[in-house]
Amino acid sequence: MASKTAQTPTAPHTTTSPKKQTGRVAPARRPARGVIALTLLAGAALLTVDTLARHTAEERFANRITERIADRHGSGPAAPEVTIEGYPFLLNTARGAHPEVRLTADALTPDGIPVKAAVDLREVSETADGYTAESVDAAFTAPFDSLATQGSRQIRLSDAGNGRLRIVSSILGMPLTIIAELRLDAGAVTLQADSAALAGRLIDPAAPAIDKALSERRRQLPPLPLGLKATTVTVGPDGITAHARARRVDLT
């Protein structure tokens, strides 16, 4: 009987492939960082120059406005605070116009009433002699206490809400309270009574005594600077405000 020859299992043949080289040489980063740093420095320098140019122009504009008002009206307010809107400033200067210039100032009317002025000029361009604005909107606010004295009588004024004025005085020792609307009539501020109360009791707002009290409060607006014409009068928490507007204002 033939004997079986034991066969030894052979291990599978494995082929060893050479290792792939995965390492790469890192690109130099210093030049890129240098470019970024230079760009940031250049941007900061431009921003600084733009800001300095803006401040210089704001001071020059404030001085020109003060001189112009003094020339036309005999006296002017202290140099106003000027803010030239729009960024970048130098780009707007190059195109010859600034979209908006805002002014705020404290001033006195010819009869000595203090007012806070807020003026908004649009599309302001610089000329050889000064500046030109395509439009101007302004608000002149007089505080209540500066308008309260009427001769020897002391009258208290306050905001009654909904654009109305509260007037408190006295008749024969009794408190008189009038709620009135303000109107603009040919450059004068007039009042129209909505309601009235004497010693807490409602009375006819059309009564002669009421009409007389309100007629005493009529006030002619003074001439406004920059060619402004009054458009409306409103009442707010800070006082009574006259709003005005002008077109194509030449600030030379």
C-alpha atoms as a PDB file:
ATOM      1  CA  MET A   1       0.000   0.000   0.000  1.00  0.00           C
ATOM      2  CA  ALA A   2       1.474   3.229  -1.109  1.00  0.00           C
ATOM      3  CA  SER A   3       2.082   5.725   1.620  1.00  0.00           C
ATOM      4  CA  LYS A   4       0.830   9.348   1.263  1.00  0.00           C
ATOM      5  CA  THR A   5       3.451  11.990   1.255  1.00  0.00           C
ATOM      6  CA  ALA A   6       2.591  14.824   3.623  1.00  0.00           C
ATOM      7  CA  GLN A   7       2.643  18.180   1.862  1.00  0.00           C
ATOM      8  CA  THR A   8       3.745  21.175   3.812  1.00  0.00           C
ATOM      9  CA  PRO A   9       1.533  24.221   3.054  1.00  0.00           C
ATOM     10  CA  THR A  10       3.498  27.030   1.548  1.00  0.00           C
ATOM     11  CA  ALA A  11       2.988  30.589   2.726  1.00  0.00           C
ATOM     12  CA  PRO A  12       1.507  32.935   0.152  1.00  0.00           C
ATOM     13  CA  HIS A  13       4.068  34.967  -1.705  1.00  0.00           C
ATOM     14  CA  THR A  14       4.066  38.635  -0.700  1.00  0.00           C
ATOM     15  CA  THR A  15       5.633  41.358  -2.729  1.00  0.00           C
ATOM     16  CA  THR A  16       7.173  44.219  -0.828  1.00  0.00           C
ATOM     17  CA  SER A  17       6.732  47.487  -2.664  1.00  0.00           C
ATOM     18  CA  PRO A  18       9.045  50.349  -2.005  1.00  0.00           C
ATOM     19  CA  LYS A  19       7.808  53.055   0.366  1.00  0.00           C
ATOM     20  CA  LYS A  20       6.253  56.072  -1.231  1.00  0.00           C
ATOM     21  CA  GLN A  21       7.756  59.341  -0.188  1.00  0.00           C
ATOM     22  CA  THR A  22       4.962  61.459   1.237  1.00  0.00           C
ATOM     23  CA  GLY A  23       6.965  64.316   2.713  1.00  0.00           C
ATOM     24  CA  ARG A  24       6.829  67.702   0.903  1.00  0.00           C
ATOM     25  CA  VAL A  25       8.956  70.719   1.278  1.00  0.00           C
ATOM     26  CA  ALA A  26       6.902  73.450   3.044  1.00  0.00           C
ATOM     27  CA  PRO A  27       6.736  76.653   1.045  1.00  0.00           C
ATOM     28  CA  ALA A  28       8.326  79.705   2.558  1.00  0.00           C
ATOM     29  CA  ARG A  29       5.753  81.714   4.539  1.00  0.00           C
ATOM     30  CA  ARG A  30       7.797  84.745   5.425  1.00  0.00           C
ATOM     31  CA  PRO A  31       7.226  86.606   2.150  1.00  0.00           C
ATOM     32  CA  ALA A  32       3.445  86.135   2.457  1.00  0.00           C
ATOM     33  CA  ARG A  33       3.469  87.395   6.029  1.00  0.00           C
ATOM     34  CA  GLY A  34       5.537  90.360   4.954  1.00  0.00           C
ATOM     35  CA  VAL A  35       3.022  91.270   2.262  1.00  0.00           C
ATOM     36  CA  ILE A  36       0.161  91.072   4.774  1.00  0.00           C
ATOM     37  CA  ALA A  37       2.042  93.241   7.244  1.00  0.00           C
ATOM     38  CA  LEU A  38       2.817  95.840   4.588  1.00  0.00           C
ATOM     39  CA  THR A  39      -0.814  95.855   3.479  1.00  0.00           C
ATOM     40  CA  LEU A  40      -2.005  96.428   7.040  1.00  0.00           C
ATOM     41  CA  LEU A  41       0.524  99.215   7.570  1.00  0.00           C
ATOM     42  CA  ALA A  42      -0.488 100.882   4.320  1.00  0.00           C
ATOM     43  CA  GLY A  43      -4.175 100.656   5.281  1.00  0.00           C
ATOM     44  CA  ALA A  44      -3.472 102.159   8.708  1.00  0.00           C
ATOM     45  CA  ALA A  45      -1.457 104.971   7.127  1.00  0.00           C
ATOM     46  CA  LEU A  46      -4.247 105.761   4.659  1.00  0.00           C
ATOM     47  CA  LEU A  47      -6.820 105.735   7.456  1.00  0.00           C
ATOM     48  CA  THR A  48      -4.674 108.138   9.503  1.00  0.00           C
ATOM     49  CA  VAL A  49      -4.198 110.490   6.560  1.00  0.00           C
ATOM     50  CA  ASP A  50      -7.920 110.344   5.760  1.00  0.00           C
ATOM     51  CA  THR A  51      -8.832 111.140   9.382  1.00  0.00           C
ATOM     52  CA  LEU A  52      -6.394 114.049   9.635  1.00  0.00           C
ATOM     53  CA  ALA A  53      -7.639 115.494   6.351  1.00  0.00           C
ATOM     54  CA  ARG A  54     -11.233 115.180   7.563  1.00  0.00           C
ATOM     55  CA  HIS A  55     -10.500 116.980  10.852  1.00  0.00           C
ATOM     56  CA  THR A  56      -8.682 119.779   9.049  1.00  0.00           C
ATOM     57  CA  ALA A  57     -11.589 120.233   6.641  1.00  0.00           C
ATOM     58  CA  GLU A  58     -14.102 120.226   9.525  1.00  0.00           C
ATOM     59  CA  GLU A  59     -12.211 123.021  11.306  1.00  0.00           C
ATOM     60  CA  ARG A  60     -11.942 125.053   8.107  1.00  0.00           C
ATOM     61  CA  PHE A  61     -15.644 124.563   7.389  1.00  0.00           C
ATOM     62  CA  ALA A  62     -16.608 125.611  10.944  1.00  0.00           C
ATOM     63  CA  ASN A  63     -14.556 128.804  10.667  1.00  0.00           C
ATOM     64  CA  ARG A  64     -16.093 129.641   7.290  1.00  0.00           C
ATOM     65  CA  ILE A  65     -19.636 129.180   8.590  1.00  0.00           C
ATOM     66  CA  THR A  66     -18.917 131.388  11.623  1.00  0.00           C
ATOM     67  CA  GLU A  67     -17.444 134.149   9.446  1.00  0.00           C
ATOM     68  CA  ARG A  68     -20.316 133.966   6.999  1.00  0.00           C
ATOM     69  CA  ILE A  69     -22.998 134.281   9.694  1.00  0.00           C
ATOM     70  CA  ALA A  70     -21.117 137.128  11.383  1.00  0.00           C
ATOM     71  CA  ASP A  71     -20.807 138.991   8.061  1.00  0.00           C
ATOM     72  CA  ARG A  72     -24.507 138.667   7.271  1.00  0.00           C
ATOM     73  CA  HIS A  73     -26.021 139.046  10.757  1.00  0.00           C
ATOM     74  CA  GLY A  74     -23.516 141.182  12.659  1.00  0.00           C
ATOM     75  CA  SER A  75     -22.730 138.472  15.194  1.00  0.00           C
ATOM     76  CA  GLY A  76     -22.429 134.744  14.996  1.00  0.00           C
ATOM     77  CA  PRO A  77     -22.429 131.740  17.313  1.00  0.00           C
ATOM     78  CA  ALA A  78     -19.330 130.170  18.701  1.00  0.00           C
ATOM     79  CA  ALA A  79     -17.598 127.995  16.122  1.00  0.00           C
ATOM     80  CA  PRO A  80     -19.987 125.093  15.503  1.00  0.00           C
ATOM     81  CA  GLU A  81     -19.089 121.449  15.786  1.00  0.00           C
ATOM     82  CA  VAL A  82     -18.816 120.080  12.261  1.00  0.00           C
ATOM     83  CA  THR A  83     -18.999 116.454  11.164  1.00  0.00           C
ATOM     84  CA  ILE A  84     -18.301 115.605   7.537  1.00  0.00           C
ATOM     85  CA  GLU A  85     -19.978 112.311   6.708  1.00  0.00           C
ATOM     86  CA  GLY A  86     -18.931 109.817   4.047  1.00  0.00           C
ATOM     87  CA  TYR A  87     -15.930 107.499   3.834  1.00  0.00           C
ATOM     88  CA  PRO A  88     -13.317 107.674   2.584  1.00  0.00           C
ATOM     89  CA  PHE A  89     -13.084 111.426   2.965  1.00  0.00           C
ATOM     90  CA  LEU A  90     -10.279 111.853   0.444  1.00  0.00           C
ATOM     91  CA  LEU A  91     -12.253 110.005  -2.238  1.00  0.00           C
ATOM     92  CA  ASN A  92     -15.210 112.350  -1.757  1.00  0.00           C
ATOM     93  CA  THR A  93     -12.821 115.295  -1.862  1.00  0.00           C
ATOM     94  CA  ALA A  94     -11.419 114.023  -5.128  1.00  0.00           C
ATOM     95  CA  ARG A  95     -14.888 113.783  -6.688  1.00  0.00           C
ATOM     96  CA  GLY A  96     -15.599 117.334  -5.503  1.00  0.00           C
ATOM     97  CA  ALA A  97     -18.526 116.828  -3.109  1.00  0.00           C
ATOM     98  CA  HIS A  98     -19.370 115.423   0.329  1.00  0.00           C
ATOM     99  CA  PRO A  99     -22.763 113.718   0.703  1.00  0.00           C
ATOM    100  CA  GLU A 100     -23.549 115.237   4.097  1.00  0.00           C
ATOM    101  CA  VAL A 101     -22.134 117.807   6.504  1.00  0.00           C
ATOM    102  CA  ARG A 102     -23.669 118.211   9.964  1.00  0.00           C
ATOM    103  CA  LEU A 103     -23.340 121.246  12.212  1.00  0.00           C
ATOM    104  CA  THR A 104     -24.392 121.776  15.818  1.00  0.00           C
ATOM    105  CA  ALA A 105     -23.971 125.022  17.734  1.00  0.00           C
ATOM    106  CA  ASP A 106     -25.254 127.094  20.634  1.00  0.00           C
ATOM    107  CA  ALA A 107     -26.438 130.569  19.652  1.00  0.00           C
ATOM    108  CA  LEU A 108     -28.535 133.530  20.787  1.00  0.00           C
ATOM    109  CA  THR A 109     -31.450 135.163  18.987  1.00  0.00           C
ATOM    110  CA  PRO A 110     -31.311 138.980  18.581  1.00  0.00           C
ATOM    111  CA  ASP A 111     -33.485 139.314  21.718  1.00  0.00           C
ATOM    112  CA  GLY A 112     -31.158 137.095  23.747  1.00  0.00           C
ATOM    113  CA  ILE A 113     -32.997 133.766  23.716  1.00  0.00           C
ATOM    114  CA  PRO A 114     -30.573 130.819  23.701  1.00  0.00           C
ATOM    115  CA  VAL A 115     -31.138 128.209  21.023  1.00  0.00           C
ATOM    116  CA  LYS A 116     -29.501 124.975  20.001  1.00  0.00           C
ATOM    117  CA  ALA A 117     -28.990 124.776  16.261  1.00  0.00           C
ATOM    118  CA  ALA A 118     -28.680 121.542  14.284  1.00  0.00           C
ATOM    119  CA  VAL A 119     -27.993 122.008  10.577  1.00  0.00           C
ATOM    120  CA  ASP A 120     -27.783 119.272   7.945  1.00  0.00           C
ATOM    121  CA  LEU A 121     -26.196 120.208   4.601  1.00  0.00           C
ATOM    122  CA  ARG A 122     -26.418 117.843   1.636  1.00  0.00           C
ATOM    123  CA  GLU A 123     -24.052 117.475  -1.326  1.00  0.00           C
ATOM    124  CA  VAL A 124     -21.541 120.048  -0.167  1.00  0.00           C
ATOM    125  CA  SER A 125     -18.875 121.012  -2.688  1.00  0.00           C
ATOM    126  CA  GLU A 126     -15.846 123.228  -2.152  1.00  0.00           C
ATOM    127  CA  THR A 127     -15.317 126.170  -4.480  1.00  0.00           C
ATOM    128  CA  ALA A 128     -12.507 128.688  -4.837  1.00  0.00           C
ATOM    129  CA  ASP A 129     -14.330 131.107  -2.519  1.00  0.00           C
ATOM    130  CA  GLY A 130     -15.960 128.752  -0.045  1.00  0.00           C
ATOM    131  CA  TYR A 131     -18.604 126.025  -0.172  1.00  0.00           C
ATOM    132  CA  THR A 132     -21.917 125.314  -1.854  1.00  0.00           C
ATOM    133  CA  ALA A 133     -24.670 123.042  -0.512  1.00  0.00           C
ATOM    134  CA  GLU A 134     -27.440 121.689  -2.693  1.00  0.00           C
ATOM    135  CA  SER A 135     -29.882 121.698   0.245  1.00  0.00           C
ATOM    136  CA  VAL A 136     -29.939 122.657   3.908  1.00  0.00           C
ATOM    137  CA  ASP A 137     -32.319 121.471   6.641  1.00  0.00           C
ATOM    138  CA  ALA A 138     -32.096 123.015  10.100  1.00  0.00           C
ATOM    139  CA  ALA A 139     -33.741 122.885  13.506  1.00  0.00           C
ATOM    140  CA  PHE A 140     -33.474 125.651  16.108  1.00  0.00           C
ATOM    141  CA  THR A 141     -34.630 124.610  19.582  1.00  0.00           C
ATOM    142  CA  ALA A 142     -35.362 127.107  22.357  1.00  0.00           C
ATOM    143  CA  PRO A 143     -35.741 125.610  25.861  1.00  0.00           C
ATOM    144  CA  PHE A 144     -39.038 126.179  27.652  1.00  0.00           C
ATOM    145  CA  ASP A 145     -37.580 128.216  30.503  1.00  0.00           C
ATOM    146  CA  SER A 146     -36.078 130.775  28.099  1.00  0.00           C
ATOM    147  CA  LEU A 147     -39.567 131.483  26.676  1.00  0.00           C
ATOM    148  CA  ALA A 148     -41.526 131.461  29.918  1.00  0.00           C
ATOM    149  CA  THR A 149     -41.210 135.072  31.123  1.00  0.00           C
ATOM    150  CA  GLN A 150     -43.881 137.449  29.822  1.00  0.00           C
ATOM    151  CA  GLY A 151     -43.382 140.916  31.306  1.00  0.00           C
ATOM    152  CA  SER A 152     -43.824 140.665  35.054  1.00  0.00           C
ATOM    153  CA  ARG A 153     -45.751 137.376  34.821  1.00  0.00           C
ATOM    154  CA  GLN A 154     -44.054 134.032  35.051  1.00  0.00           C
ATOM    155  CA  ILE A 155     -45.564 131.431  32.752  1.00  0.00           C
ATOM    156  CA  ARG A 156     -44.646 127.758  32.866  1.00  0.00           C
ATOM    157  CA  LEU A 157     -44.334 125.991  29.522  1.00  0.00           C
ATOM    158  CA  SER A 158     -44.010 122.253  28.948  1.00  0.00           C
ATOM    159  CA  ASP A 159     -44.636 119.484  26.446  1.00  0.00           C
ATOM    160  CA  ALA A 160     -48.287 118.374  26.492  1.00  0.00           C
ATOM    161  CA  GLY A 161     -47.723 115.490  24.079  1.00  0.00           C
ATOM    162  CA  ASN A 162     -48.881 115.021  20.494  1.00  0.00           C
ATOM    163  CA  GLY A 163     -46.989 118.161  19.455  1.00  0.00           C
ATOM    164  CA  ARG A 164     -48.983 120.431  21.780  1.00  0.00           C
ATOM    165  CA  LEU A 165     -47.845 123.006  24.317  1.00  0.00           C
ATOM    166  CA  ARG A 166     -48.986 123.277  27.945  1.00  0.00           C
ATOM    167  CA  ILE A 167     -49.170 126.843  29.273  1.00  0.00           C
ATOM    168  CA  VAL A 168     -49.707 127.403  32.988  1.00  0.00           C
ATOM    169  CA  SER A 169     -50.298 130.912  34.352  1.00  0.00           C
ATOM    170  CA  SER A 170     -52.748 132.515  36.792  1.00  0.00           C
ATOM    171  CA  ILE A 171     -55.805 134.754  36.694  1.00  0.00           C
ATOM    172  CA  LEU A 172     -56.915 136.467  39.913  1.00  0.00           C
ATOM    173  CA  GLY A 173     -54.746 134.092  41.857  1.00  0.00           C
ATOM    174  CA  MET A 174     -56.282 131.008  40.262  1.00  0.00           C
ATOM    175  CA  PRO A 175     -54.206 128.661  38.071  1.00  0.00           C
ATOM    176  CA  LEU A 176     -55.040 128.721  34.383  1.00  0.00           C
ATOM    177  CA  THR A 177     -53.900 125.796  32.214  1.00  0.00           C
ATOM    178  CA  ILE A 178     -54.127 125.930  28.440  1.00  0.00           C
ATOM    179  CA  ILE A 179     -53.269 123.162  25.986  1.00  0.00           C
ATOM    180  CA  ALA A 180     -52.507 124.678  22.597  1.00  0.00           C
ATOM    181  CA  GLU A 181     -51.263 123.814  19.138  1.00  0.00           C
ATOM    182  CA  LEU A 182     -48.456 125.826  17.558  1.00  0.00           C
ATOM    183  CA  ARG A 183     -48.834 127.251  14.077  1.00  0.00           C
ATOM    184  CA  LEU A 184     -46.576 129.169  11.747  1.00  0.00           C
ATOM    185  CA  ASP A 185     -48.192 132.232  10.192  1.00  0.00           C
ATOM    186  CA  ALA A 186     -46.084 134.487   7.936  1.00  0.00           C
ATOM    187  CA  GLY A 187     -42.944 133.858   9.967  1.00  0.00           C
ATOM    188  CA  ALA A 188     -44.668 134.232  13.342  1.00  0.00           C
ATOM    189  CA  VAL A 189     -45.447 131.497  15.861  1.00  0.00           C
ATOM    190  CA  THR A 190     -49.086 131.572  16.967  1.00  0.00           C
ATOM    191  CA  LEU A 191     -51.116 129.392  19.321  1.00  0.00           C
ATOM    192  CA  GLN A 192     -54.545 127.821  18.979  1.00  0.00           C
ATOM    193  CA  ALA A 193     -56.171 126.569  22.192  1.00  0.00           C
ATOM    194  CA  ASP A 194     -57.418 122.980  22.261  1.00  0.00           C
ATOM    195  CA  SER A 195     -58.581 123.003  25.874  1.00  0.00           C
ATOM    196  CA  ALA A 196     -58.419 125.175  28.978  1.00  0.00           C
ATOM    197  CA  ALA A 197     -59.033 124.799  32.683  1.00  0.00           C
ATOM    198  CA  LEU A 198     -59.337 127.429  35.442  1.00  0.00           C
ATOM    199  CA  ALA A 199     -58.666 126.175  38.962  1.00  0.00           C
ATOM    200  CA  GLY A 200     -59.117 122.628  37.682  1.00  0.00           C
ATOM    201  CA  ARG A 201     -62.495 123.283  36.010  1.00  0.00           C
ATOM    202  CA  LEU A 202     -62.857 123.104  32.219  1.00  0.00           C
ATOM    203  CA  ILE A 203     -63.712 126.379  30.504  1.00  0.00           C
ATOM    204  CA  ASP A 204     -64.368 127.389  26.901  1.00  0.00           C
ATOM    205  CA  PRO A 205     -60.984 127.510  25.081  1.00  0.00           C
ATOM    206  CA  ALA A 206     -62.477 130.201  22.787  1.00  0.00           C
ATOM    207  CA  ALA A 207     -63.181 132.564  25.709  1.00  0.00           C
ATOM    208  CA  PRO A 208     -61.814 136.137  25.303  1.00  0.00           C
ATOM    209  CA  ALA A 209     -59.466 135.707  28.259  1.00  0.00           C
ATOM    210  CA  ILE A 210     -57.926 132.640  26.627  1.00  0.00           C
ATOM    211  CA  ASP A 211     -57.599 134.387  23.296  1.00  0.00           C
ATOM    212  CA  LYS A 212     -55.884 137.345  24.991  1.00  0.00           C
ATOM    213  CA  ALA A 213     -53.480 135.081  26.878  1.00  0.00           C
ATOM    214  CA  LEU A 214     -52.478 133.296  23.680  1.00  0.00           C
ATOM    215  CA  SER A 215     -52.164 136.449  21.606  1.00  0.00           C
ATOM    216  CA  GLU A 216     -49.566 137.641  24.123  1.00  0.00           C
ATOM    217  CA  ARG A 217     -47.534 134.527  23.339  1.00  0.00           C
ATOM    218  CA  ARG A 218     -47.333 135.286  19.610  1.00  0.00           C
ATOM    219  CA  ARG A 219     -43.684 135.548  18.628  1.00  0.00           C
ATOM    220  CA  GLN A 220     -42.071 136.632  15.391  1.00  0.00           C
ATOM    221  CA  LEU A 221     -39.194 134.405  14.338  1.00  0.00           C
ATOM    222  CA  PRO A 222     -35.896 136.261  13.861  1.00  0.00           C
ATOM    223  CA  PRO A 223     -34.123 136.227  10.489  1.00  0.00           C
ATOM    224  CA  LEU A 224     -32.491 132.848  10.001  1.00  0.00           C
ATOM    225  CA  PRO A 225     -28.928 132.352   8.729  1.00  0.00           C
ATOM    226  CA  LEU A 226     -27.840 130.694   5.471  1.00  0.00           C
ATOM    227  CA  GLY A 227     -30.952 131.845   3.627  1.00  0.00           C
ATOM    228  CA  LEU A 228     -33.139 129.451   5.613  1.00  0.00           C
ATOM    229  CA  LYS A 229     -36.924 129.821   5.579  1.00  0.00           C
ATOM    230  CA  ALA A 230     -39.035 128.488   8.439  1.00  0.00           C
ATOM    231  CA  THR A 231     -41.346 125.627   7.457  1.00  0.00           C
ATOM    232  CA  THR A 232     -42.901 124.294  10.683  1.00  0.00           C
ATOM    233  CA  VAL A 233     -42.816 124.700  14.457  1.00  0.00           C
ATOM    234  CA  THR A 234     -42.992 121.713  16.808  1.00  0.00           C
ATOM    235  CA  VAL A 235     -43.007 120.993  20.538  1.00  0.00           C
ATOM    236  CA  GLY A 236     -40.838 118.331  22.156  1.00  0.00           C
ATOM    237  CA  PRO A 237     -39.330 117.393  25.507  1.00  0.00           C
ATOM    238  CA  ASP A 238     -36.413 119.822  25.009  1.00  0.00           C
ATOM    239  CA  GLY A 239     -38.454 122.874  24.059  1.00  0.00           C
ATOM    240  CA  ILE A 240     -39.978 124.541  21.019  1.00  0.00           C
ATOM    241  CA  THR A 241     -38.265 123.894  17.701  1.00  0.00           C
ATOM    242  CA  ALA A 242     -38.439 125.919  14.505  1.00  0.00           C
ATOM    243  CA  HIS A 243     -37.654 123.849  11.418  1.00  0.00           C
ATOM    244  CA  ALA A 244     -36.269 125.529   8.316  1.00  0.00           C
ATOM    245  CA  ARG A 245     -35.072 124.666   4.809  1.00  0.00           C
ATOM    246  CA  ALA A 246     -33.115 126.210   1.964  1.00  0.00           C
ATOM    247  CA  ARG A 247     -31.977 125.143  -1.497  1.00  0.00           C
ATOM    248  CA  ARG A 248     -28.698 125.803  -3.264  1.00  0.00           C
ATOM    249  CA  VAL A 249     -26.909 127.674  -0.461  1.00  0.00           C
ATOM    250  CA  ASP A 250     -23.721 129.502  -1.383  1.00  0.00           C
ATOM    251  CA  LEU A 251     -21.364 129.704   1.616  1.00  0.00           C
ATOM    252  CA  THR A 252     -18.950 132.292   0.206  1.00  0.00           C
END
